[in-house]
Every structure is written in C-alpha cells, then in structure tokens.
Amino acid sequence: MCYTYILKSKKDSKFYTGYTSNLKLRFEQHNKGLVYSTKDRVPLKLIYYEACLNQQDATHREKYLKTYFGKMFIKNRLKSYLTG
C-alpha cells in the first residue's frame, strides 16, 4: 500500500501534499524537521490521507490533489474541519 496525504502546518496554516509507502514514518520525519520542504513549518498535523494500491496510483492522486480541482475536492471533503 501507498498513501497520499495532506499535512497542515500549525505554524503558518499552509498545506503540504505528498505520498509515501510508510505513512507513520514519513509523518514522524516531517515533524522532526527531516524533510526539506516542511522543516521550517513544523509542527505539522496530518489532516487527510488516502490508501492506494501502488505507487503509481498514489503519485497520480498526489498530482491531482495539487490541482485547482483537487484543492476544491479537499476543501469540500474537509469543510467542517477547515471552518471549525
């Protein structure tokens, strides 16, 4: 299994979208500042993830979630969380 995930920075409220085969380990790496793209934005909160059958599906889903339509999907999917 691979996972596509979205993190939200508690520092600047920005989002980060990525994929991994080990969600728990990757989340720990992000929060320890070991990931270059998020090291200045810790602490981070995992707000969404999807399981995919393989890496190709996960990367396609990641790319989609980074598009305008993907961002609108997440906004609608997490409406109550993001407005609360």
PDB file of N, CA and C in Angstrom:
ATOM      1  N   MET A   1       0.835  -1.185   0.000  1.00  0.00           N
ATOM      2  CA  MET A   1       0.000   0.000   0.000  1.00  0.00           C
ATOM      3  C   MET A   1       0.880   1.249   0.000  1.00  0.00           C
ATOM      4  N   CYS A   2       0.391   2.257  -0.684  1.00  0.00           N
ATOM      5  CA  CYS A   2       0.994   3.583  -0.649  1.00  0.00           C
ATOM      6  C   CYS A   2      -0.080   4.557  -0.197  1.00  0.00           C
ATOM      7  N   TYR A   3       0.354   5.674   0.319  1.00  0.00           N
ATOM      8  CA  TYR A   3      -0.585   6.657   0.859  1.00  0.00           C
ATOM      9  C   TYR A   3      -0.318   8.025   0.272  1.00  0.00           C
ATOM     10  N   THR A   4      -1.386   8.714  -0.059  1.00  0.00           N
ATOM     11  CA  THR A   4      -1.328  10.122  -0.411  1.00  0.00           C
ATOM     12  C   THR A   4      -1.846  10.856   0.813  1.00  0.00           C
ATOM     13  N   TYR A   5      -1.148  11.904   1.224  1.00  0.00           N
ATOM     14  CA  TYR A   5      -1.513  12.551   2.481  1.00  0.00           C
ATOM     15  C   TYR A   5      -1.415  14.070   2.378  1.00  0.00           C
ATOM     16  N   ILE A   6      -2.100  14.731   3.303  1.00  0.00           N
ATOM     17  CA  ILE A   6      -2.057  16.188   3.387  1.00  0.00           C
ATOM     18  C   ILE A   6      -1.756  16.564   4.827  1.00  0.00           C
ATOM     19  N   LEU A   7      -0.766  17.410   4.981  1.00  0.00           N
ATOM     20  CA  LEU A   7      -0.387  17.932   6.283  1.00  0.00           C
ATOM     21  C   LEU A   7      -0.761  19.405   6.346  1.00  0.00           C
ATOM     22  N   LYS A   8      -1.072  19.866   7.528  1.00  0.00           N
ATOM     23  CA  LYS A   8      -1.319  21.296   7.738  1.00  0.00           C
ATOM     24  C   LYS A   8      -0.335  21.784   8.787  1.00  0.00           C
ATOM     25  N   SER A   9       0.343  22.868   8.467  1.00  0.00           N
ATOM     26  CA  SER A   9       1.312  23.441   9.386  1.00  0.00           C
ATOM     27  C   SER A   9       0.586  24.200  10.494  1.00  0.00           C
ATOM     28  N   LYS A  10       0.957  23.918  11.724  1.00  0.00           N
ATOM     29  CA  LYS A  10       0.401  24.673  12.854  1.00  0.00           C
ATOM     30  C   LYS A  10       1.079  26.034  12.973  1.00  0.00           C
ATOM     31  N   LYS A  11       2.196  26.185  12.287  1.00  0.00           N
ATOM     32  CA  LYS A  11       2.963  27.430  12.344  1.00  0.00           C
ATOM     33  C   LYS A  11       2.387  28.487  11.398  1.00  0.00           C
ATOM     34  N   ASP A  12       2.121  28.093  10.133  1.00  0.00           N
ATOM     35  CA  ASP A  12       1.648  29.075   9.147  1.00  0.00           C
ATOM     36  C   ASP A  12       0.324  28.685   8.482  1.00  0.00           C
ATOM     37  N   SER A  13      -0.291  27.588   8.915  1.00  0.00           N
ATOM     38  CA  SER A  13      -1.587  27.106   8.404  1.00  0.00           C
ATOM     39  C   SER A  13      -1.567  26.702   6.932  1.00  0.00           C
ATOM     40  N   LYS A  14      -0.402  26.528   6.348  1.00  0.00           N
ATOM     41  CA  LYS A  14      -0.310  26.095   4.958  1.00  0.00           C
ATOM     42  C   LYS A  14      -0.351  24.581   4.881  1.00  0.00           C
ATOM     43  N   PHE A  15      -0.678  24.087   3.682  1.00  0.00           N
ATOM     44  CA  PHE A  15      -0.823  22.659   3.453  1.00  0.00           C
ATOM     45  C   PHE A  15       0.370  22.102   2.685  1.00  0.00           C
ATOM     46  N   TYR A  16       0.625  20.818   2.896  1.00  0.00           N
ATOM     47  CA  TYR A  16       1.648  20.094   2.152  1.00  0.00           C
ATOM     48  C   TYR A  16       1.028  18.772   1.733  1.00  0.00           C
ATOM     49  N   THR A  17       1.174  18.426   0.467  1.00  0.00           N
ATOM     50  CA  THR A  17       0.642  17.176  -0.057  1.00  0.00           C
ATOM     51  C   THR A  17       1.803  16.302  -0.522  1.00  0.00           C
ATOM     52  N   GLY A  18       1.753  15.021  -0.152  1.00  0.00           N
ATOM     53  CA  GLY A  18       2.808  14.105  -0.548  1.00  0.00           C
ATOM     54  C   GLY A  18       2.296  12.681  -0.623  1.00  0.00           C
ATOM     55  N   TYR A  19       3.208  11.753  -0.900  1.00  0.00           N
ATOM     56  CA  TYR A  19       2.859  10.340  -0.901  1.00  0.00           C
ATOM     57  C   TYR A  19       4.004   9.545  -0.283  1.00  0.00           C
ATOM     58  N   THR A  20       3.680   8.363   0.224  1.00  0.00           N
ATOM     59  CA  THR A  20       4.674   7.520   0.876  1.00  0.00           C
ATOM     60  C   THR A  20       4.169   6.086   0.969  1.00  0.00           C
ATOM     61  N   SER A  21       5.079   5.178   1.226  1.00  0.00           N
ATOM     62  CA  SER A  21       4.677   3.790   1.480  1.00  0.00           C
ATOM     63  C   SER A  21       4.593   3.514   2.984  1.00  0.00           C
ATOM     64  N   ASN A  22       5.107   4.424   3.801  1.00  0.00           N
ATOM     65  CA  ASN A  22       5.061   4.264   5.253  1.00  0.00           C
ATOM     66  C   ASN A  22       4.600   5.581   5.869  1.00  0.00           C
ATOM     67  N   LEU A  23       3.318   5.718   6.052  1.00  0.00           N
ATOM     68  CA  LEU A  23       2.732   6.990   6.490  1.00  0.00           C
ATOM     69  C   LEU A  23       3.213   7.398   7.878  1.00  0.00           C
ATOM     70  N   LYS A  24       3.262   6.466   8.802  1.00  0.00           N
ATOM     71  CA  LYS A  24       3.684   6.788  10.170  1.00  0.00           C
ATOM     72  C   LYS A  24       5.120   7.318  10.194  1.00  0.00           C
ATOM     73  N   LEU A  25       6.034   6.615   9.522  1.00  0.00           N
ATOM     74  CA  LEU A  25       7.429   7.037   9.478  1.00  0.00           C
ATOM     75  C   LEU A  25       7.574   8.392   8.791  1.00  0.00           C
ATOM     76  N   ARG A  26       6.887   8.564   7.673  1.00  0.00           N
ATOM     77  CA  ARG A  26       7.005   9.823   6.926  1.00  0.00           C
ATOM     78  C   ARG A  26       6.485  11.000   7.744  1.00  0.00           C
ATOM     79  N   PHE A  27       5.382  10.794   8.456  1.00  0.00           N
ATOM     80  CA  PHE A  27       4.832  11.855   9.300  1.00  0.00           C
ATOM     81  C   PHE A  27       5.832  12.221  10.406  1.00  0.00           C
ATOM     82  N   GLU A  28       6.462  11.227  10.999  1.00  0.00           N
ATOM     83  CA  GLU A  28       7.480  11.485  12.026  1.00  0.00           C
ATOM     84  C   GLU A  28       8.660  12.265  11.436  1.00  0.00           C
ATOM     85  N   GLN A  29       9.079  11.900  10.227  1.00  0.00           N
ATOM     86  CA  GLN A  29      10.185  12.607   9.578  1.00  0.00           C
ATOM     87  C   GLN A  29       9.829  14.075   9.349  1.00  0.00           C
ATOM     88  N   HIS A  30       8.603  14.324   8.907  1.00  0.00           N
ATOM     89  CA  HIS A  30       8.164  15.703   8.704  1.00  0.00           C
ATOM     90  C   HIS A  30       8.235  16.480  10.017  1.00  0.00           C
ATOM     91  N   ASN A  31       7.690  15.932  11.082  1.00  0.00           N
ATOM     92  CA  ASN A  31       7.624  16.662  12.352  1.00  0.00           C
ATOM     93  C   ASN A  31       8.961  16.792  13.063  1.00  0.00           C
ATOM     94  N   LYS A  32       9.930  15.961  12.700  1.00  0.00           N
ATOM     95  CA  LYS A  32      11.277  16.087  13.266  1.00  0.00           C
ATOM     96  C   LYS A  32      12.131  17.062  12.462  1.00  0.00           C
ATOM     97  N   GLY A  33      11.570  17.632  11.400  1.00  0.00           N
ATOM     98  CA  GLY A  33      12.311  18.578  10.584  1.00  0.00           C
ATOM     99  C   GLY A  33      13.276  17.924   9.626  1.00  0.00           C
ATOM    100  N   LEU A  34      13.082  16.651   9.309  1.00  0.00           N
ATOM    101  CA  LEU A  34      13.991  15.921   8.431  1.00  0.00           C
ATOM    102  C   LEU A  34      13.619  16.024   6.953  1.00  0.00           C
ATOM    103  N   VAL A  35      12.491  16.653   6.651  1.00  0.00           N
ATOM    104  CA  VAL A  35      12.043  16.808   5.265  1.00  0.00           C
ATOM    105  C   VAL A  35      12.259  18.268   4.868  1.00  0.00           C
ATOM    106  N   TYR A  36      13.070  18.472   3.853  1.00  0.00           N
ATOM    107  CA  TYR A  36      13.474  19.824   3.450  1.00  0.00           C
ATOM    108  C   TYR A  36      12.287  20.751   3.215  1.00  0.00           C
ATOM    109  N   SER A  37      11.270  20.264   2.515  1.00  0.00           N
ATOM    110  CA  SER A  37      10.163  21.143   2.117  1.00  0.00           C
ATOM    111  C   SER A  37       9.271  21.562   3.276  1.00  0.00           C
ATOM    112  N   THR A  38       9.342  20.887   4.407  1.00  0.00           N
ATOM    113  CA  THR A  38       8.479  21.251   5.534  1.00  0.00           C
ATOM    114  C   THR A  38       9.254  21.565   6.810  1.00  0.00           C
ATOM    115  N   LYS A  39      10.570  21.542   6.773  1.00  0.00           N
ATOM    116  CA  LYS A  39      11.346  21.679   8.009  1.00  0.00           C
ATOM    117  C   LYS A  39      11.137  23.014   8.713  1.00  0.00           C
ATOM    118  N   ASP A  40      10.830  24.071   7.975  1.00  0.00           N
ATOM    119  CA  ASP A  40      10.615  25.381   8.589  1.00  0.00           C
ATOM    120  C   ASP A  40       9.154  25.612   8.964  1.00  0.00           C
ATOM    121  N   ARG A  41       8.303  24.588   8.790  1.00  0.00           N
ATOM    122  CA  ARG A  41       6.870  24.756   9.033  1.00  0.00           C
ATOM    123  C   ARG A  41       6.343  23.842  10.127  1.00  0.00           C
ATOM    124  N   VAL A  42       7.230  23.189  10.872  1.00  0.00           N
ATOM    125  CA  VAL A  42       6.792  22.303  11.952  1.00  0.00           C
ATOM    126  C   VAL A  42       6.283  23.125  13.131  1.00  0.00           C
ATOM    127  N   PRO A  43       5.376  22.633  13.912  1.00  0.00           N
ATOM    128  CA  PRO A  43       4.791  21.311  13.891  1.00  0.00           C
ATOM    129  C   PRO A  43       3.701  21.180  12.818  1.00  0.00           C
ATOM    130  N   LEU A  44       3.486  19.951  12.380  1.00  0.00           N
ATOM    131  CA  LEU A  44       2.512  19.653  11.338  1.00  0.00           C
ATOM    132  C   LEU A  44       1.457  18.700  11.878  1.00  0.00           C
ATOM    133  N   LYS A  45       0.280  18.775  11.288  1.00  0.00           N
ATOM    134  CA  LYS A  45      -0.818  17.890  11.672  1.00  0.00           C
ATOM    135  C   LYS A  45      -1.279  17.147  10.428  1.00  0.00           C
ATOM    136  N   LEU A  46      -1.445  15.846  10.547  1.00  0.00           N
ATOM    137  CA  LEU A  46      -1.978  15.047   9.444  1.00  0.00           C
ATOM    138  C   LEU A  46      -3.487  15.269   9.411  1.00  0.00           C
ATOM    139  N   ILE A  47      -3.982  15.863   8.316  1.00  0.00           N
ATOM    140  CA  ILE A  47      -5.416  16.167   8.269  1.00  0.00           C
ATOM    141  C   ILE A  47      -6.173  15.288   7.287  1.00  0.00           C
ATOM    142  N   TYR A  48      -5.449  14.570   6.395  1.00  0.00           N
ATOM    143  CA  TYR A  48      -6.139  13.753   5.402  1.00  0.00           C
ATOM    144  C   TYR A  48      -5.163  12.756   4.807  1.00  0.00           C
ATOM    145  N   TYR A  49      -5.651  11.549   4.542  1.00  0.00           N
ATOM    146  CA  TYR A  49      -4.849  10.588   3.782  1.00  0.00           C
ATOM    147  C   TYR A  49      -5.756   9.609   3.063  1.00  0.00           C
ATOM    148  N   GLU A  50      -5.228   9.042   1.990  1.00  0.00           N
ATOM    149  CA  GLU A  50      -5.913   8.026   1.203  1.00  0.00           C
ATOM    150  C   GLU A  50      -4.945   6.879   0.970  1.00  0.00           C
ATOM    151  N   ALA A  51      -5.449   5.660   1.037  1.00  0.00           N
ATOM    152  CA  ALA A  51      -4.639   4.483   0.727  1.00  0.00           C
ATOM    153  C   ALA A  51      -4.790   4.165  -0.755  1.00  0.00           C
ATOM    154  N   CYS A  52      -3.677   3.860  -1.398  1.00  0.00           N
ATOM    155  CA  CYS A  52      -3.658   3.493  -2.820  1.00  0.00           C
ATOM    156  C   CYS A  52      -3.006   2.118  -2.949  1.00  0.00           C
ATOM    157  N   LEU A  53      -3.337   1.412  -4.005  1.00  0.00           N
ATOM    158  CA  LEU A  53      -2.815   0.057  -4.180  1.00  0.00           C
ATOM    159  C   LEU A  53      -1.344   0.012  -4.570  1.00  0.00           C
ATOM    160  N   ASN A  54      -0.868   1.072  -5.225  1.00  0.00           N
ATOM    161  CA  ASN A  54       0.536   1.079  -5.636  1.00  0.00           C
ATOM    162  C   ASN A  54       1.046   2.514  -5.747  1.00  0.00           C
ATOM    163  N   GLN A  55       2.348   2.657  -5.963  1.00  0.00           N
ATOM    164  CA  GLN A  55       2.977   3.979  -6.000  1.00  0.00           C
ATOM    165  C   GLN A  55       2.463   4.816  -7.163  1.00  0.00           C
ATOM    166  N   GLN A  56       2.230   4.197  -8.298  1.00  0.00           N
ATOM    167  CA  GLN A  56       1.752   4.951  -9.458  1.00  0.00           C
ATOM    168  C   GLN A  56       0.401   5.609  -9.161  1.00  0.00           C
ATOM    169  N   ASP A  57      -0.513   4.867  -8.541  1.00  0.00           N
ATOM    170  CA  ASP A  57      -1.806   5.444  -8.173  1.00  0.00           C
ATOM    171  C   ASP A  57      -1.637   6.565  -7.162  1.00  0.00           C
ATOM    172  N   ALA A  58      -0.736   6.383  -6.206  1.00  0.00           N
ATOM    173  CA  ALA A  58      -0.509   7.405  -5.178  1.00  0.00           C
ATOM    174  C   ALA A  58       0.064   8.684  -5.782  1.00  0.00           C
ATOM    175  N   THR A  59       1.005   8.555  -6.720  1.00  0.00           N
ATOM    176  CA  THR A  59       1.584   9.750  -7.333  1.00  0.00           C
ATOM    177  C   THR A  59       0.563  10.471  -8.213  1.00  0.00           C
ATOM    178  N   HIS A  60      -0.283   9.706  -8.897  1.00  0.00           N
ATOM    179  CA  HIS A  60      -1.333  10.351  -9.698  1.00  0.00           C
ATOM    180  C   HIS A  60      -2.314  11.095  -8.805  1.00  0.00           C
ATOM    181  N   ARG A  61      -2.655  10.488  -7.690  1.00  0.00           N
ATOM    182  CA  ARG A  61      -3.586  11.137  -6.764  1.00  0.00           C
ATOM    183  C   ARG A  61      -2.951  12.383  -6.156  1.00  0.00           C
ATOM    184  N   GLU A  62      -1.673  12.308  -5.810  1.00  0.00           N
ATOM    185  CA  GLU A  62      -0.960  13.468  -5.271  1.00  0.00           C
ATOM    186  C   GLU A  62      -0.996  14.621  -6.276  1.00  0.00           C
ATOM    187  N   LYS A  63      -0.690  14.324  -7.528  1.00  0.00           N
ATOM    188  CA  LYS A  63      -0.694  15.364  -8.559  1.00  0.00           C
ATOM    189  C   LYS A  63      -2.085  15.972  -8.711  1.00  0.00           C
ATOM    190  N   TYR A  64      -3.124  15.130  -8.658  1.00  0.00           N
ATOM    191  CA  TYR A  64      -4.491  15.648  -8.759  1.00  0.00           C
ATOM    192  C   TYR A  64      -4.823  16.557  -7.572  1.00  0.00           C
ATOM    193  N   LEU A  65      -4.470  16.139  -6.377  1.00  0.00           N
ATOM    194  CA  LEU A  65      -4.811  16.938  -5.188  1.00  0.00           C
ATOM    195  C   LEU A  65      -4.093  18.285  -5.170  1.00  0.00           C
ATOM    196  N   LYS A  66      -3.032  18.412  -5.940  1.00  0.00           N
ATOM    197  CA  LYS A  66      -2.312  19.683  -6.022  1.00  0.00           C
ATOM    198  C   LYS A  66      -2.909  20.625  -7.072  1.00  0.00           C
ATOM    199  N   THR A  67      -3.859  20.135  -7.874  1.00  0.00           N
ATOM    200  CA  THR A  67      -4.500  20.980  -8.877  1.00  0.00           C
ATOM    201  C   THR A  67      -5.621  21.792  -8.241  1.00  0.00           C
ATOM    202  N   TYR A  68      -6.155  22.726  -8.996  1.00  0.00           N
ATOM    203  CA  TYR A  68      -7.288  23.528  -8.519  1.00  0.00           C
ATOM    204  C   TYR A  68      -8.460  22.636  -8.131  1.00  0.00           C
ATOM    205  N   PHE A  69      -8.795  21.680  -8.991  1.00  0.00           N
ATOM    206  CA  PHE A  69      -9.936  20.800  -8.717  1.00  0.00           C
ATOM    207  C   PHE A  69      -9.663  19.890  -7.516  1.00  0.00           C
ATOM    208  N   GLY A  70      -8.428  19.463  -7.359  1.00  0.00           N
ATOM    209  CA  GLY A  70      -8.066  18.653  -6.201  1.00  0.00           C
ATOM    210  C   GLY A  70      -8.176  19.446  -4.909  1.00  0.00           C
ATOM    211  N   LYS A  71      -7.752  20.700  -4.948  1.00  0.00           N
ATOM    212  CA  LYS A  71      -7.864  21.557  -3.762  1.00  0.00           C
ATOM    213  C   LYS A  71      -9.323  21.820  -3.419  1.00  0.00           C
ATOM    214  N   MET A  72     -10.164  21.947  -4.441  1.00  0.00           N
ATOM    215  CA  MET A  72     -11.593  22.135  -4.193  1.00  0.00           C
ATOM    216  C   MET A  72     -12.202  20.856  -3.608  1.00  0.00           C
ATOM    217  N   PHE A  73     -11.752  19.695  -4.059  1.00  0.00           N
ATOM    218  CA  PHE A  73     -12.214  18.425  -3.514  1.00  0.00           C
ATOM    219  C   PHE A  73     -11.904  18.355  -2.023  1.00  0.00           C
ATOM    220  N   ILE A  74     -10.663  18.680  -1.661  1.00  0.00           N
ATOM    221  CA  ILE A  74     -10.267  18.630  -0.249  1.00  0.00           C
ATOM    222  C   ILE A  74     -11.037  19.659   0.561  1.00  0.00           C
ATOM    223  N   LYS A  75     -11.202  20.845   0.005  1.00  0.00           N
ATOM    224  CA  LYS A  75     -11.953  21.890   0.716  1.00  0.00           C
ATOM    225  C   LYS A  75     -13.371  21.412   1.023  1.00  0.00           C
ATOM    226  N   ASN A  76     -14.015  20.774   0.059  1.00  0.00           N
ATOM    227  CA  ASN A  76     -15.381  20.255   0.285  1.00  0.00           C
ATOM    228  C   ASN A  76     -15.375  19.040   1.205  1.00  0.00           C
ATOM    229  N   ARG A  77     -14.399  18.182   1.051  1.00  0.00           N
ATOM    230  CA  ARG A  77     -14.320  16.956   1.854  1.00  0.00           C
ATOM    231  C   ARG A  77     -14.095  17.265   3.323  1.00  0.00           C
ATOM    232  N   LEU A  78     -13.304  18.294   3.599  1.00  0.00           N
ATOM    233  CA  LEU A  78     -12.955  18.659   4.975  1.00  0.00           C
ATOM    234  C   LEU A  78     -13.646  19.954   5.413  1.00  0.00           C
ATOM    235  N   LYS A  79     -14.751  20.255   4.809  1.00  0.00           N
ATOM    236  CA  LYS A  79     -15.446  21.524   5.071  1.00  0.00           C
ATOM    237  C   LYS A  79     -15.649  21.814   6.553  1.00  0.00           C
ATOM    238  N   SER A  80     -16.183  20.855   7.287  1.00  0.00           N
ATOM    239  CA  SER A  80     -16.461  21.107   8.702  1.00  0.00           C
ATOM    240  C   SER A  80     -15.160  21.261   9.508  1.00  0.00           C
ATOM    241  N   TYR A  81     -14.115  20.521   9.148  1.00  0.00           N
ATOM    242  CA  TYR A  81     -12.836  20.637   9.845  1.00  0.00           C
ATOM    243  C   TYR A  81     -12.179  21.977   9.566  1.00  0.00           C
ATOM    244  N   LEU A  82     -12.153  22.389   8.306  1.00  0.00           N
ATOM    245  CA  LEU A  82     -11.460  23.623   7.933  1.00  0.00           C
ATOM    246  C   LEU A  82     -12.170  24.875   8.394  1.00  0.00           C
ATOM    247  N   THR A  83     -13.474  24.821   8.591  1.00  0.00           N
ATOM    248  CA  THR A  83     -14.213  26.015   9.028  1.00  0.00           C
ATOM    249  C   THR A  83     -14.363  26.056  10.544  1.00  0.00           C
ATOM    250  N   GLY A  84     -14.080  24.940  11.197  1.00  0.00           N
ATOM    251  CA  GLY A  84     -14.270  24.867  12.655  1.00  0.00           C
ATOM    252  C   GLY A  84     -13.093  25.280  13.449  1.00  0.00           C
TER     253      GLY A  84
END
